[in-house]
Amino acid sequence: MSSTGNKTSVKVDVPSTWIKHPGQSFCTQCKSGCCTLPVEVSAFDLIRMGVLSEDEAASSLKKAFRRLHKEGVVRSYHPQVGLFILEQRAGTECQYLHPKTRGCTIYEKRPEVCRRFPKIGPRPGHCPYQKRTP
């Protein structure tokens, strides 16, 4: 049994194994599994993050995508819905996740989806919590 009382093994890529979110205080003790999920961001998020200007967003999001993709900021762009997917470090975790502290390096400027998780996401109200080992 895990430290949060769940008897099954949590698998980040299988939301049905996620636990009911235990509260923000547990995030500092977690392996940050949520930061391994694909992160969808809007142009507004990219502006807040400081990687896109308002003028560039108003001009052409396709051109902005090409630049941001070349710079390794985003992996893809879906013009039908106006969302980008952030690039991941080594294809496995958010590039803004600190490798040692497991905290967000752009916390004050983080995307809306990160601000609202776990209220929104693959399984609302649940998270892939796994206790971090020292």
C-alpha atoms as a PDB file:
ATOM      1  CA  MET A   1       0.000   0.000   0.000  1.00  0.00           C
ATOM      2  CA  SER A   2       1.324   3.459  -0.854  1.00  0.00           C
ATOM      3  CA  SER A   3       1.733   6.342   1.565  1.00  0.00           C
ATOM      4  CA  THR A   4      -1.528   7.837   0.294  1.00  0.00           C
ATOM      5  CA  GLY A   5      -3.525   4.679   0.907  1.00  0.00           C
ATOM      6  CA  ASN A   6      -3.946   3.429  -2.636  1.00  0.00           C
ATOM      7  CA  LYS A   7      -3.335  -0.279  -3.176  1.00  0.00           C
ATOM      8  CA  THR A   8      -2.722  -0.200  -6.914  1.00  0.00           C
ATOM      9  CA  SER A   9       0.362   1.014  -8.697  1.00  0.00           C
ATOM     10  CA  VAL A  10      -0.030   4.469 -10.218  1.00  0.00           C
ATOM     11  CA  LYS A  11       0.895   4.672 -13.892  1.00  0.00           C
ATOM     12  CA  VAL A  12       1.183   8.171 -15.341  1.00  0.00           C
ATOM     13  CA  ASP A  13      -0.045   7.071 -18.772  1.00  0.00           C
ATOM     14  CA  VAL A  14      -3.064   5.197 -17.346  1.00  0.00           C
ATOM     15  CA  PRO A  15      -5.429   7.747 -15.736  1.00  0.00           C
ATOM     16  CA  SER A  16      -7.650   4.981 -14.321  1.00  0.00           C
ATOM     17  CA  THR A  17      -4.787   4.178 -11.899  1.00  0.00           C
ATOM     18  CA  TRP A  18      -4.520   7.764 -10.649  1.00  0.00           C
ATOM     19  CA  ILE A  19      -5.492   8.640  -7.093  1.00  0.00           C
ATOM     20  CA  LYS A  20      -7.859  11.317  -5.847  1.00  0.00           C
ATOM     21  CA  HIS A  21      -5.700  14.428  -5.579  1.00  0.00           C
ATOM     22  CA  PRO A  22      -4.405  14.458  -1.989  1.00  0.00           C
ATOM     23  CA  GLY A  23      -3.946  18.248  -1.821  1.00  0.00           C
ATOM     24  CA  GLN A  24      -1.330  20.796  -2.797  1.00  0.00           C
ATOM     25  CA  SER A  25       0.913  19.968   0.173  1.00  0.00           C
ATOM     26  CA  PHE A  26       1.599  16.562  -1.388  1.00  0.00           C
ATOM     27  CA  CYS A  27       2.936  18.108  -4.629  1.00  0.00           C
ATOM     28  CA  THR A  28       6.285  18.938  -3.009  1.00  0.00           C
ATOM     29  CA  GLN A  29       6.681  15.254  -2.060  1.00  0.00           C
ATOM     30  CA  CYS A  30       5.741  13.934  -5.509  1.00  0.00           C
ATOM     31  CA  LYS A  31       7.847  12.734  -8.454  1.00  0.00           C
ATOM     32  CA  SER A  32       5.942  15.294 -10.587  1.00  0.00           C
ATOM     33  CA  GLY A  33       4.264  12.729 -12.805  1.00  0.00           C
ATOM     34  CA  CYS A  34       1.839  15.372 -14.058  1.00  0.00           C
ATOM     35  CA  CYS A  35       4.837  17.147 -15.605  1.00  0.00           C
ATOM     36  CA  THR A  36       5.426  14.180 -17.901  1.00  0.00           C
ATOM     37  CA  LEU A  37       2.034  14.613 -19.591  1.00  0.00           C
ATOM     38  CA  PRO A  38       1.801  16.573 -22.863  1.00  0.00           C
ATOM     39  CA  VAL A  39       1.192  20.262 -22.074  1.00  0.00           C
ATOM     40  CA  GLU A  40      -1.265  22.100 -24.328  1.00  0.00           C
ATOM     41  CA  VAL A  41      -0.739  25.858 -24.389  1.00  0.00           C
ATOM     42  CA  SER A  42      -2.445  28.798 -26.039  1.00  0.00           C
ATOM     43  CA  ALA A  43      -0.825  31.845 -27.604  1.00  0.00           C
ATOM     44  CA  PHE A  44      -1.753  33.722 -24.411  1.00  0.00           C
ATOM     45  CA  ASP A  45       0.188  31.149 -22.365  1.00  0.00           C
ATOM     46  CA  LEU A  46       3.224  31.555 -24.621  1.00  0.00           C
ATOM     47  CA  ILE A  47       3.029  35.339 -24.248  1.00  0.00           C
ATOM     48  CA  ARG A  48       2.815  35.012 -20.451  1.00  0.00           C
ATOM     49  CA  MET A  49       5.793  32.621 -20.543  1.00  0.00           C
ATOM     50  CA  GLY A  50       7.770  35.302 -22.386  1.00  0.00           C
ATOM     51  CA  VAL A  51       8.501  33.251 -25.507  1.00  0.00           C
ATOM     52  CA  LEU A  52       5.997  34.940 -27.839  1.00  0.00           C
ATOM     53  CA  SER A  53       5.196  38.632 -28.345  1.00  0.00           C
ATOM     54  CA  GLU A  54       1.657  39.961 -28.701  1.00  0.00           C
ATOM     55  CA  ASP A  55       2.565  41.350 -32.134  1.00  0.00           C
ATOM     56  CA  GLU A  56       3.875  37.979 -33.286  1.00  0.00           C
ATOM     57  CA  ALA A  57       0.728  36.234 -32.023  1.00  0.00           C
ATOM     58  CA  ALA A  58      -1.517  38.742 -33.811  1.00  0.00           C
ATOM     59  CA  SER A  59       0.476  38.438 -37.039  1.00  0.00           C
ATOM     60  CA  SER A  60       0.729  34.697 -37.736  1.00  0.00           C
ATOM     61  CA  LEU A  61       0.575  31.788 -35.321  1.00  0.00           C
ATOM     62  CA  LYS A  62       1.869  29.461 -38.044  1.00  0.00           C
ATOM     63  CA  LYS A  63       5.015  31.587 -38.391  1.00  0.00           C
ATOM     64  CA  ALA A  64       5.282  31.754 -34.610  1.00  0.00           C
ATOM     65  CA  PHE A  65       5.029  27.964 -34.480  1.00  0.00           C
ATOM     66  CA  ARG A  66       7.861  27.552 -36.973  1.00  0.00           C
ATOM     67  CA  ARG A  67      10.127  29.796 -34.884  1.00  0.00           C
ATOM     68  CA  LEU A  68       9.156  28.240 -31.549  1.00  0.00           C
ATOM     69  CA  HIS A  69       9.540  24.736 -32.966  1.00  0.00           C
ATOM     70  CA  LYS A  70      12.993  25.555 -34.323  1.00  0.00           C
ATOM     71  CA  GLU A  71      13.953  26.949 -30.881  1.00  0.00           C
ATOM     72  CA  GLY A  72      12.716  23.773 -29.160  1.00  0.00           C
ATOM     73  CA  VAL A  73       9.898  25.464 -27.247  1.00  0.00           C
ATOM     74  CA  VAL A  74       6.941  23.691 -28.868  1.00  0.00           C
ATOM     75  CA  ARG A  75       6.546  20.291 -30.490  1.00  0.00           C
ATOM     76  CA  SER A  76       3.368  20.836 -32.488  1.00  0.00           C
ATOM     77  CA  TYR A  77       0.621  23.312 -33.344  1.00  0.00           C
ATOM     78  CA  HIS A  78      -3.045  22.547 -33.969  1.00  0.00           C
ATOM     79  CA  PRO A  79      -4.467  25.549 -35.868  1.00  0.00           C
ATOM     80  CA  GLN A  80      -8.031  24.163 -35.758  1.00  0.00           C
ATOM     81  CA  VAL A  81      -8.116  24.753 -31.998  1.00  0.00           C
ATOM     82  CA  GLY A  82      -5.266  27.260 -31.696  1.00  0.00           C
ATOM     83  CA  LEU A  83      -3.234  25.136 -29.294  1.00  0.00           C
ATOM     84  CA  PHE A  84       0.446  24.277 -29.187  1.00  0.00           C
ATOM     85  CA  ILE A  85       2.079  21.320 -27.419  1.00  0.00           C
ATOM     86  CA  LEU A  86       5.196  22.185 -25.432  1.00  0.00           C
ATOM     87  CA  GLU A  87       8.371  20.306 -26.258  1.00  0.00           C
ATOM     88  CA  GLN A  88       9.559  17.880 -23.584  1.00  0.00           C
ATOM     89  CA  ARG A  89      13.068  17.311 -22.279  1.00  0.00           C
ATOM     90  CA  ALA A  90      14.326  14.022 -23.739  1.00  0.00           C
ATOM     91  CA  GLY A  91      10.725  13.414 -24.804  1.00  0.00           C
ATOM     92  CA  THR A  92       9.727  12.486 -21.268  1.00  0.00           C
ATOM     93  CA  GLU A  93       9.077  15.545 -19.101  1.00  0.00           C
ATOM     94  CA  CYS A  94       8.365  19.241 -19.268  1.00  0.00           C
ATOM     95  CA  GLN A  95      11.414  21.257 -20.203  1.00  0.00           C
ATOM     96  CA  TYR A  96      10.535  23.724 -17.428  1.00  0.00           C
ATOM     97  CA  LEU A  97      10.644  21.065 -14.697  1.00  0.00           C
ATOM     98  CA  HIS A  98      13.781  21.425 -12.582  1.00  0.00           C
ATOM     99  CA  PRO A  99      15.594  18.061 -12.782  1.00  0.00           C
ATOM    100  CA  LYS A 100      16.630  18.010  -9.114  1.00  0.00           C
ATOM    101  CA  THR A 101      13.956  19.902  -7.160  1.00  0.00           C
ATOM    102  CA  ARG A 102      11.143  18.667  -9.466  1.00  0.00           C
ATOM    103  CA  GLY A 103       9.591  22.142  -9.221  1.00  0.00           C
ATOM    104  CA  CYS A 104       8.457  24.360 -12.075  1.00  0.00           C
ATOM    105  CA  THR A 105      11.152  26.824 -13.123  1.00  0.00           C
ATOM    106  CA  ILE A 106       8.523  29.209 -14.549  1.00  0.00           C
ATOM    107  CA  TYR A 107       5.927  28.732 -11.806  1.00  0.00           C
ATOM    108  CA  GLU A 108       4.677  32.352 -11.813  1.00  0.00           C
ATOM    109  CA  LYS A 109       4.394  32.278 -15.634  1.00  0.00           C
ATOM    110  CA  ARG A 110       3.238  28.653 -16.033  1.00  0.00           C
ATOM    111  CA  PRO A 111       0.524  27.781 -18.586  1.00  0.00           C
ATOM    112  CA  GLU A 112      -3.161  27.804 -17.678  1.00  0.00           C
ATOM    113  CA  VAL A 113      -3.468  24.006 -17.943  1.00  0.00           C
ATOM    114  CA  CYS A 114      -0.762  23.645 -15.273  1.00  0.00           C
ATOM    115  CA  ARG A 115      -2.463  26.252 -13.064  1.00  0.00           C
ATOM    116  CA  ARG A 116      -5.748  24.339 -13.220  1.00  0.00           C
ATOM    117  CA  PHE A 117      -4.431  20.777 -12.892  1.00  0.00           C
ATOM    118  CA  PRO A 118      -5.870  18.488 -11.471  1.00  0.00           C
ATOM    119  CA  LYS A 119      -9.230  20.258 -11.767  1.00  0.00           C
ATOM    120  CA  ILE A 120      -8.828  19.725 -15.500  1.00  0.00           C
ATOM    121  CA  GLY A 121      -6.905  17.004 -17.263  1.00  0.00           C
ATOM    122  CA  PRO A 122      -7.302  13.381 -18.347  1.00  0.00           C
ATOM    123  CA  ARG A 123      -9.064  12.487 -15.077  1.00  0.00           C
ATOM    124  CA  PRO A 124     -10.366  15.609 -13.301  1.00  0.00           C
ATOM    125  CA  GLY A 125      -9.781  15.636  -9.545  1.00  0.00           C
ATOM    126  CA  HIS A 126      -7.134  12.903  -9.753  1.00  0.00           C
ATOM    127  CA  CYS A 127      -3.376  12.900 -10.250  1.00  0.00           C
ATOM    128  CA  PRO A 128      -0.536  10.459 -10.900  1.00  0.00           C
ATOM    129  CA  TYR A 129       0.918  11.034  -7.419  1.00  0.00           C
ATOM    130  CA  GLN A 130       3.966   8.946  -6.587  1.00  0.00           C
ATOM    131  CA  LYS A 131       6.040   9.734  -3.522  1.00  0.00           C
ATOM    132  CA  ARG A 132       9.494  11.013  -4.392  1.00  0.00           C
ATOM    133  CA  THR A 133      12.374   9.112  -2.843  1.00  0.00           C
ATOM    134  CA  PRO A 134      15.417  11.070  -1.670  1.00  0.00           C
END
